[in-house]
Every structure is written in structure tokens, then in C-alpha cells.
């Protein structure tokens, strides 16, 4: 009854209060754990878990750091990966898919999804994991599955998503890259992760795509620089034009608002059309 009520509040009333969304996640989790621990209808448990996975994916109103601490470490790994992704901890999320679930296609789907939200480094992280699988999927927690290096899949990933690895031109010694460089561009990190024995022809497409993208970005920057410089010159020309304009004030000048002459000590305001009024009259001018 509680679960049904929570679903009605969130799905029918469309309530976005994080308290209700957190509560619904907890209700799903507890129900799934209960059904997993007791002999029951497997279809009910599978259906409920699908609801939980879909809700974790689609809802943006629950608090990831709050619900994560209540999930177990010995099961419900895919749910944990989704929540870690919501927190931006992509390396841990990918480690779950690769080292715990052993599901590389699912890891690739994850990369495709989070890349669209600005996580450009995910493909490099996954490639590194495929080449050198981590011993721990979580800090201090050994991976339950012994994952073997998969260079072939890593190269296929590099070729398939060559245009998604940001190519930024830098000059860094290869020895420095081998030592690890978190601040280096993603394409340099990708190359540094590859073994020395990889033939150049295997990464030809990646190199061509990266260099072409770099050239395109450079051309765009040059065009933008030229446009900004032209705009700068135009603004400077307008400034000089305005500064060159002079105002001649004599005892015969009359304020068009109050119809009084300007004294020697009068403050005045000049309008773009050339009209001159007393400073105190500028707010009363109708046209």
C-alpha cells in the first residue's frame, strides 16, 4: 500500500519533492531485496527491479548521495552504477560494469549516454579499463570477476568514437604521459594508455580524425579572432567619431524644455540628435 501511494504521488501527481522521490527509491530497494531473499514469484521481482532501474535513470529529483549509502555492496550493482553516474563518478560506475558485471556493451551504452551531458573523458576511462582492468571496483573492495585485458575491444572503441575524444594540441613527453597525466587532453591520455606494440595502422583513423578536428577548431578560432578584431576596430572608430564631436555654448542658447538661457555655471545634457537641455530638464523632455 505504501509503495502504491508513493508511486501515485510521484507518477500521477508529478510531485518533484526530493523527499518523495527518495522514499520511492527506498521502497523499491527494500521490496526488491525482500523478494530476492525469499522464495517468491520471479516475475514480480524482475518487474519491480525494472521499475527501480528505470526510475533511477529517469528521475532527476531524488538525492543520489542520500540513496546510495543504503544500497548493498554484494548485489544490486547496476543500480549502484546508475547512482554513481548521477554523482558524476564515472570511473567507479564504469568499474561496476566492467569488473563486477562483466558487461562491456552496457559500459559502452553508459559512455554514449553520459557523453551527451558533457562527460568527454568517459571513453578514455573505459579504454584504460579494458587494457588494464582494475583490481578493485571500489576502494578496498576486490573485483568479484577477474577481468582479462581486452586490447581488441579497446582499439575498436578508440576507432568507433574517435571524433568524441577531444583533440587538443599540446607537447608533452611520452615518458611523462606514461607516468600518468590527469591534466593532459583525452586523446593524449588515450594514446598513452596503448601498449607500445600496437601498430600505427590500427589507430590511423583515430589520428586522422583527431588531427582534422584540431585543424577545424583552429580555423574556427582564427575566423572568430578576425571577426572580433573587426568589431574592435569598428567600436574604436565609433568612439573616435563621438569624441570628435564638439558642443558650442553661447549666451544665445535656449533650453527647449524650460525656454531659459544657459548661464555660465549651468550643467547641461546633450541628446544624440544634438538637442541641448539643462541637466535638471532632461527628465521633463517629451520628445
Protein backbone atom coordinates (compact mmCIF):
# COMPACT_ATOMS: atom_id res chain seq x y z
CA UNK A 1 0.00 0.00 0.00
CA UNK A 2 2.83 2.40 0.87
CA UNK A 3 4.60 1.66 -2.42
CA UNK A 4 1.41 2.22 -4.40
CA UNK A 5 0.82 5.53 -2.64
CA UNK A 6 4.39 6.68 -3.30
CA UNK A 7 4.08 5.77 -6.99
CA UNK A 8 0.82 7.71 -7.23
CA UNK A 9 2.37 10.82 -5.66
CA UNK A 10 5.39 10.76 -7.97
CA UNK A 11 3.96 9.41 -11.23
CA UNK A 12 0.37 10.70 -11.19
CA UNK A 13 0.62 13.90 -9.19
CA UNK A 14 4.09 14.58 -10.67
CA UNK A 15 5.36 15.78 -7.32
CA UNK A 16 9.04 16.79 -7.65
CA UNK A 17 9.78 16.92 -3.93
CA UNK A 18 13.08 15.03 -3.33
CA UNK A 19 11.66 13.53 -0.13
CA UNK A 20 9.01 11.59 -2.06
CA UNK A 21 11.47 10.53 -4.78
CA UNK A 22 13.99 9.33 -2.19
CA UNK A 23 11.24 7.46 -0.37
CA UNK A 24 10.12 5.74 -3.58
CA UNK A 25 13.70 4.60 -4.30
CA UNK A 26 13.93 3.17 -0.78
CA UNK A 27 10.58 1.41 -1.16
CA UNK A 28 11.66 -0.16 -4.45
CA UNK A 29 15.03 -1.20 -2.99
CA UNK A 30 13.55 -2.78 0.14
CA UNK A 31 10.91 -4.64 -1.87
CA UNK A 32 13.49 -5.96 -4.36
CA UNK A 33 15.80 -7.10 -1.56
CA UNK A 34 12.90 -8.78 0.23
CA UNK A 35 11.77 -10.64 -2.89
CA UNK A 36 15.36 -11.70 -3.61
CA UNK A 37 15.81 -13.13 -0.11
CA UNK A 38 12.55 -15.09 -0.01
CA UNK A 39 11.11 -17.70 -2.40
CA UNK A 40 8.53 -15.84 -4.47
CA UNK A 41 7.39 -15.11 -7.98
CA UNK A 42 10.50 -14.24 -10.02
CA UNK A 43 8.40 -12.24 -12.45
CA UNK A 44 7.28 -9.90 -9.69
CA UNK A 45 10.86 -9.34 -8.56
CA UNK A 46 12.10 -8.76 -12.11
CA UNK A 47 9.27 -6.35 -12.87
CA UNK A 48 9.89 -4.39 -9.69
CA UNK A 49 13.62 -4.19 -10.35
CA UNK A 50 12.97 -2.92 -13.87
CA UNK A 51 10.84 -0.18 -12.32
CA UNK A 52 13.66 0.70 -9.93
CA UNK A 53 16.27 0.83 -12.71
CA UNK A 54 14.01 2.95 -14.92
CA UNK A 55 13.22 5.33 -12.07
CA UNK A 56 16.88 5.76 -11.14
CA UNK A 57 17.63 6.54 -14.80
CA UNK A 58 14.81 8.97 -15.50
CA UNK A 59 14.19 10.79 -12.23
CA UNK A 60 16.30 13.87 -11.55
CA UNK A 61 14.61 14.72 -8.27
CA UNK A 62 15.98 12.11 -5.88
CA UNK A 63 19.21 12.80 -3.98
CA UNK A 64 21.90 10.37 -5.25
CA UNK A 65 24.27 10.74 -2.30
CA UNK A 66 21.41 10.06 0.11
CA UNK A 67 20.04 6.91 -1.52
CA UNK A 68 23.45 5.45 -2.45
CA UNK A 69 24.55 4.73 1.12
CA UNK A 70 21.60 2.37 1.67
CA UNK A 71 22.32 0.14 -1.32
CA UNK A 72 24.15 -3.12 -0.54
CA UNK A 73 27.67 -3.89 -1.76
CA UNK A 74 27.01 -7.55 -2.58
CA UNK A 75 24.11 -7.12 -5.01
CA UNK A 76 22.11 -4.54 -6.99
CA UNK A 77 25.30 -3.47 -8.77
CA UNK A 78 23.60 -1.96 -11.81
CA UNK A 79 21.53 0.30 -9.57
CA UNK A 80 24.71 1.44 -7.85
CA UNK A 81 26.32 2.19 -11.21
CA UNK A 82 23.40 4.40 -12.25
CA UNK A 83 23.54 6.36 -8.99
CA UNK A 84 27.32 6.75 -9.27
CA UNK A 85 26.77 8.14 -12.75
CA UNK A 86 24.29 10.66 -11.38
CA UNK A 87 27.02 11.79 -8.97
CA UNK A 88 29.49 12.19 -11.84
CA UNK A 89 31.70 9.38 -10.53
CA UNK A 90 32.07 7.83 -13.98
CA UNK A 91 35.21 5.84 -13.26
CA UNK A 92 33.51 3.94 -10.43
CA UNK A 93 30.36 3.45 -12.49
CA UNK A 94 32.33 2.01 -15.41
CA UNK A 95 34.29 -0.17 -13.00
CA UNK A 96 31.00 -1.72 -11.89
CA UNK A 97 30.02 -2.55 -15.48
CA UNK A 98 33.46 -3.89 -16.45
CA UNK A 99 34.85 -5.50 -13.29
CA UNK A 100 31.68 -6.55 -11.46
CA UNK A 101 29.04 -7.20 -14.11
CA UNK A 102 31.49 -8.05 -16.90
CA UNK A 103 29.16 -6.26 -19.31
CA UNK A 104 31.27 -4.20 -21.73
CA UNK A 105 28.34 -3.40 -24.10
CA UNK A 106 26.47 -1.94 -21.12
CA UNK A 107 29.54 0.12 -20.27
CA UNK A 108 29.60 1.44 -23.85
CA UNK A 109 25.92 2.37 -23.60
CA UNK A 110 26.71 4.22 -20.39
CA UNK A 111 29.50 6.15 -22.14
CA UNK A 112 27.20 7.10 -25.02
CA UNK A 113 24.61 8.41 -22.57
CA UNK A 114 26.83 10.47 -20.25
CA UNK A 115 28.93 11.84 -23.12
CA UNK A 116 25.87 13.75 -24.30
CA UNK A 117 25.87 15.55 -20.94
CA UNK A 118 29.46 16.75 -21.22
CA UNK A 119 31.48 13.83 -19.82
CA UNK A 120 34.08 13.76 -22.60
CA UNK A 121 36.57 11.63 -20.66
CA UNK A 122 34.41 8.51 -20.29
CA UNK A 123 35.62 6.77 -23.45
CA UNK A 124 39.24 7.14 -22.38
CA UNK A 125 38.40 5.80 -18.91
CA UNK A 126 36.67 2.76 -20.41
CA UNK A 127 39.52 2.15 -22.84
CA UNK A 128 42.05 2.20 -20.00
CA UNK A 129 39.94 -0.28 -18.03
CA UNK A 130 39.78 -2.63 -20.99
CA UNK A 131 43.54 -2.50 -21.49
CA UNK A 132 44.42 -2.64 -17.79
CA UNK A 133 41.44 -3.89 -15.72
CA UNK A 134 41.39 -2.54 -12.15
CA UNK A 135 41.90 -4.94 -9.25
CA UNK A 136 39.33 -3.12 -7.12
CA UNK A 137 35.95 -1.99 -8.40
CA UNK A 138 35.52 0.18 -5.32
CA UNK A 139 38.13 1.50 -2.92
CA UNK A 140 39.30 -1.52 -0.93
CA UNK A 141 36.70 -3.89 -2.43
CA UNK A 142 38.21 -6.55 -4.74
CA UNK A 143 36.52 -7.15 -8.07
CA UNK A 144 34.38 -10.33 -7.96
CA UNK A 145 35.20 -11.10 -11.61
CA UNK A 146 38.78 -11.47 -12.82
CA UNK A 147 38.72 -9.36 -15.98
CA UNK A 148 41.32 -10.08 -18.63
CA UNK A 149 42.81 -7.27 -20.75
CA UNK A 150 40.89 -6.77 -23.99
CA UNK A 151 43.06 -4.75 -26.36
CA UNK A 152 40.94 -5.60 -29.40
CA UNK A 153 37.78 -4.11 -27.88
CA UNK A 154 39.74 -1.08 -26.66
CA UNK A 155 41.05 -0.39 -30.18
CA UNK A 156 37.57 -0.85 -31.64
CA UNK A 157 36.25 1.64 -29.08
CA UNK A 158 39.00 4.10 -29.99
CA UNK A 159 38.24 3.85 -33.70
CA UNK A 160 34.47 3.96 -33.32
CA UNK A 161 34.44 7.04 -31.10
CA UNK A 162 37.49 8.84 -32.49
CA UNK A 163 35.50 12.03 -33.08
CA UNK A 164 34.31 12.11 -29.46
CA UNK A 165 37.77 12.29 -27.91
CA UNK A 166 38.67 15.94 -27.75
CA UNK A 167 41.93 16.56 -29.67
CA UNK A 168 43.81 19.45 -28.08
CA UNK A 169 47.30 20.21 -29.31
CA UNK A 170 49.88 20.00 -26.56
CA UNK A 171 53.51 18.98 -26.38
CA UNK A 172 54.12 16.51 -23.60
CA UNK A 173 56.91 14.00 -23.31
CA UNK A 174 55.73 10.42 -23.75
CA UNK A 175 57.58 9.45 -20.59
CA UNK A 176 55.51 11.98 -18.68
CA UNK A 177 52.34 10.51 -20.18
CA UNK A 178 53.40 7.04 -19.17
CA UNK A 179 53.69 8.28 -15.62
CA UNK A 180 50.09 9.46 -15.71
CA UNK A 181 48.82 12.91 -16.57
CA UNK A 182 45.32 13.73 -15.44
CA UNK A 183 45.52 17.24 -16.87
CA UNK A 184 46.51 16.05 -20.35
CA UNK A 185 43.97 16.10 -23.19
CA UNK A 186 41.84 12.98 -23.54
CA UNK A 187 43.36 11.93 -26.85
CA UNK A 188 46.88 12.05 -25.36
CA UNK A 189 45.66 10.03 -22.40
CA UNK A 190 44.17 7.53 -24.84
CA UNK A 191 47.43 7.17 -26.75
CA UNK A 192 49.46 6.88 -23.57
CA UNK A 193 47.26 4.00 -22.41
CA UNK A 194 48.00 1.92 -25.51
CA UNK A 195 50.83 -0.63 -25.38
CA UNK A 196 53.93 0.13 -27.43
CA UNK A 197 53.33 -2.94 -29.60
CA UNK A 198 50.13 -1.55 -31.16
CA UNK A 199 50.74 -0.96 -34.90
CA UNK A 200 50.22 2.59 -36.11
CA UNK A 201 47.79 1.39 -38.77
CA UNK A 202 45.39 0.28 -36.00
CA UNK A 203 44.96 3.85 -34.79
CA UNK A 204 45.21 5.55 -38.19
CA UNK A 205 41.55 6.55 -38.26
CA UNK A 206 41.74 7.94 -34.73
CA UNK A 207 44.82 10.03 -35.53
CA UNK A 208 43.34 11.35 -38.78
CA UNK A 209 40.06 12.26 -37.09
CA UNK A 210 41.80 13.92 -34.15
CA UNK A 211 44.13 15.99 -36.33
CA UNK A 212 41.30 17.00 -38.66
CA UNK A 213 39.19 18.09 -35.70
CA UNK A 214 42.11 20.07 -34.34
CA UNK A 215 42.59 21.82 -37.69
CA UNK A 216 38.88 22.64 -37.88
CA UNK A 217 38.92 24.09 -34.38
CA UNK A 218 41.98 26.16 -35.24
CA UNK A 219 40.31 27.55 -38.37
CA UNK A 220 37.21 28.44 -36.38
CA UNK A 221 39.36 30.18 -33.78
CA UNK A 222 41.15 32.18 -36.47
CA UNK A 223 37.86 33.24 -38.07
CA UNK A 224 36.44 34.22 -34.68
CA UNK A 225 39.61 36.15 -33.88
CA UNK A 226 39.31 38.05 -37.16
CA UNK A 227 35.65 38.89 -36.53
CA UNK A 228 36.39 40.09 -33.01
CA UNK A 229 39.25 42.25 -34.26
CA UNK A 230 37.00 43.77 -36.95
CA UNK A 231 34.36 44.50 -34.31
CA UNK A 232 37.04 46.07 -32.11
CA UNK A 233 38.11 48.38 -34.93
CA UNK A 234 34.50 49.35 -35.59
CA UNK A 235 33.93 50.21 -31.93
CA UNK A 236 37.13 52.25 -31.82
CA UNK A 237 36.06 54.13 -34.94
CA UNK A 238 32.69 54.93 -33.36
CA UNK A 239 34.41 56.07 -30.17
CA UNK A 240 36.70 58.44 -32.05
CA UNK A 241 33.73 59.77 -34.01
CA UNK A 242 31.78 60.56 -30.86
CA UNK A 243 34.80 62.05 -29.10
CA UNK A 244 35.45 64.36 -32.06
CA UNK A 245 32.02 65.99 -31.80
CA UNK A 246 32.09 69.45 -30.17
CA UNK A 247 29.35 71.45 -28.46
CA UNK A 248 29.38 75.25 -28.81
CA UNK A 249 27.56 77.04 -25.99
CA UNK A 250 26.84 80.79 -26.12
CA UNK A 251 24.57 83.19 -24.24
CA UNK A 252 22.06 82.80 -27.06
CA UNK A 253 21.45 79.08 -26.48
CA UNK A 254 17.96 78.43 -25.08
CA UNK A 255 16.80 75.25 -23.35
CA UNK A 256 13.92 73.80 -25.44
CA UNK A 257 12.23 72.49 -22.27
CA UNK A 258 12.16 75.46 -19.87
CA UNK A 259 12.82 78.15 -22.55
CA UNK A 260 15.56 79.71 -20.40
CA UNK A 261 19.07 80.66 -21.45
CA UNK A 262 22.12 78.77 -20.23
CA UNK A 263 24.24 80.59 -17.67
CA UNK A 264 27.98 80.18 -17.34
CA UNK A 265 27.56 77.70 -14.49
CA UNK A 266 24.70 75.67 -15.98
CA UNK A 267 25.02 71.91 -16.21
CA UNK A 268 23.56 70.55 -19.43
CA UNK A 269 22.78 67.31 -21.21
CA UNK A 270 23.14 66.63 -24.92
CA UNK A 271 20.86 64.21 -26.77
CA UNK A 272 22.04 62.08 -29.73
CA UNK A 273 20.10 64.31 -32.15
CA UNK A 274 22.08 67.36 -30.98
CA UNK A 275 19.47 68.96 -28.68
CA UNK A 276 20.92 70.54 -25.54
CA UNK A 277 18.85 70.96 -22.37
CA UNK A 278 19.51 71.85 -18.76
CA UNK A 279 20.60 68.82 -16.81
CA UNK A 280 17.60 69.26 -14.50
CA UNK A 281 15.26 69.40 -17.51
CA UNK A 282 16.31 66.18 -19.22
CA UNK A 283 13.66 64.08 -17.46
CA UNK A 284 10.90 66.51 -18.48
CA UNK A 285 11.71 66.41 -22.17
CA UNK A 286 8.85 64.73 -24.05
CA UNK A 287 10.45 64.26 -27.47
